Amino acid sequence: MNQKVSRRHFLKAAAAGALAFPNLIPASVLGANAPSKRINLANVGQGAMGRGHLGYCLGRQDVQVVALCDVHKGVREHFCEEVNKRYAERTGKGEYKGCKTFEDYREMLEMPDLDAVTIGVPDHWHGLIAVAACKVGKDVYCEKPLALTNWESRAIADAAKANSTMFQTGSQQRSNRAFRYASELVRNGCIGKVKEVWVSIGGPSKPFCDLPEEPVPAGLNWDFWLGPSPWRPYNSALAPDGWTHSFPNWRGYGEFASGGQADFGAHHFDIAQWGLGTDHTGPVEVVPPDGKDVKNLTYTYADGVKMYVGNKQPGSATQWIGEKGWVAVNRGDWLQTEPASLAGTQFGPGDVHLYESRDHFDNWFSCIRSRKPTICTAEIGHRTATVCQIGIIAFRLGRPLKWDPKAEKFPGDEQANRMLSRAMRAPWTL
């Protein structure tokens, strides 16, 4: 039997069978937490975000963590012991050895009973791991930004579509009520035609890492950590020993990530596009600041809307300004409107109601069972990542760029188009 098909459809078929034959199968077998219906999951990357993934999944009765993958031997073995200890306590057994460890994600993906994968590794690895997981029929939760380059995030979105992957991009603000409500205010015309959007994020990364060489810590496969990126000496700011740092600074260097432009851009650009209704398209021009006439990185959409990187309303992360008022939103359920009365708007059956999710991970698991699209699919994650990336390219080139969101190219600009992808260090290819 085709493994991809059987595992994918078993959970949904079991739920349907419970309705069709209610008197033939004991409730204990049909329960959501029955062993045969648990989602078998592997966690790739045990850094700060990966540990958050792991902690959440261990707290669910309907999920079984069966594998951990990390390039640091001590880290993966430590967290494997924690997983086995947790399950031993839960089952009342003195010992549990059901979780496996892997250094190489490709070996992990060969596990026959694996259903889903969470990816919490640095950005330069997202493309390779996510595409490989999709191709072998695993459902995927991948941290944001979706990938390091436009070429890689497009490859992820295409692989997810081709393989019917239940893919969740980790732009979890979509699963927050304040961000959804703010976007609904905009989509329902409560501020009139949108004229401007302001998004508060950081700047781009340095093009290349200039950190000095340090000794590689025991247990870390540094060459594997670098993977498809150019080789360079180890420095603890990039990949700490697994114990002394929570958030390494690989985000600050272009070989591995794209700085705050993509880190928080993957959150706040995402919400800006949600409110604009541009999840499957994007801007048509991007202009970098020049220190003179152009003060902020500026995007222009086909309908004339301007999106600026900056902060116009203090405390705001994303602000839409329309002909009749404005809406601003941030984390912590921070929401402000002008006029203030907009914040009490109630939407009726005929109004726009955006996809509602109250828990980003739970939404993913629910969609694994139902096979319905997640709130932040790979395609949506790709479009948001594209906004981040074309802005970085404009920064690097120091000039305005036209963008065709349908062709996903800079029209007639080969210099800029070459920057949409990157060469991968042998033997890695996508």
Foldseek 3Di string as FASTA:
>chain_A
DQLLVCLLAVLQVLQVVCVVCVPPDDVQCSDLLHPVNAAEEEQEDCAQVSVVVVVVQLVDSRHQDQEYEAQFQVQRVVVQVVSQVSVCVVVVHPTGNRHYYYHDVLVVLPPSNHAAYEYDAFQQCQLVNLLSNLVSNHAYEYEPLNHLFLVSLVSNQVSCVVRLHQYFYNLCCLQPPLLQLLLLCLQQQVQHAWAEKEAEWDAWAAAADDDDADDDDPRGPVCVSLFFFDDDHDDCLQPNSNPDDRHRDVCRYSSGHIHRLTVCLLHLVLSVCSSVVNLQFAFFKWWDDDVPPRDFTWTAHPVGHIYTYDDDDPPFRMKTHHPRWIWGDDPPSDIQIVVRCSVVDDDDPPGDRADHHNGQVVQSVVCSSVSDHGNQHSSSSSRSSLVSRLSVLCVVVVGMFGAGRVVRAGPPDVVSRVSSDDGTDPPDDD
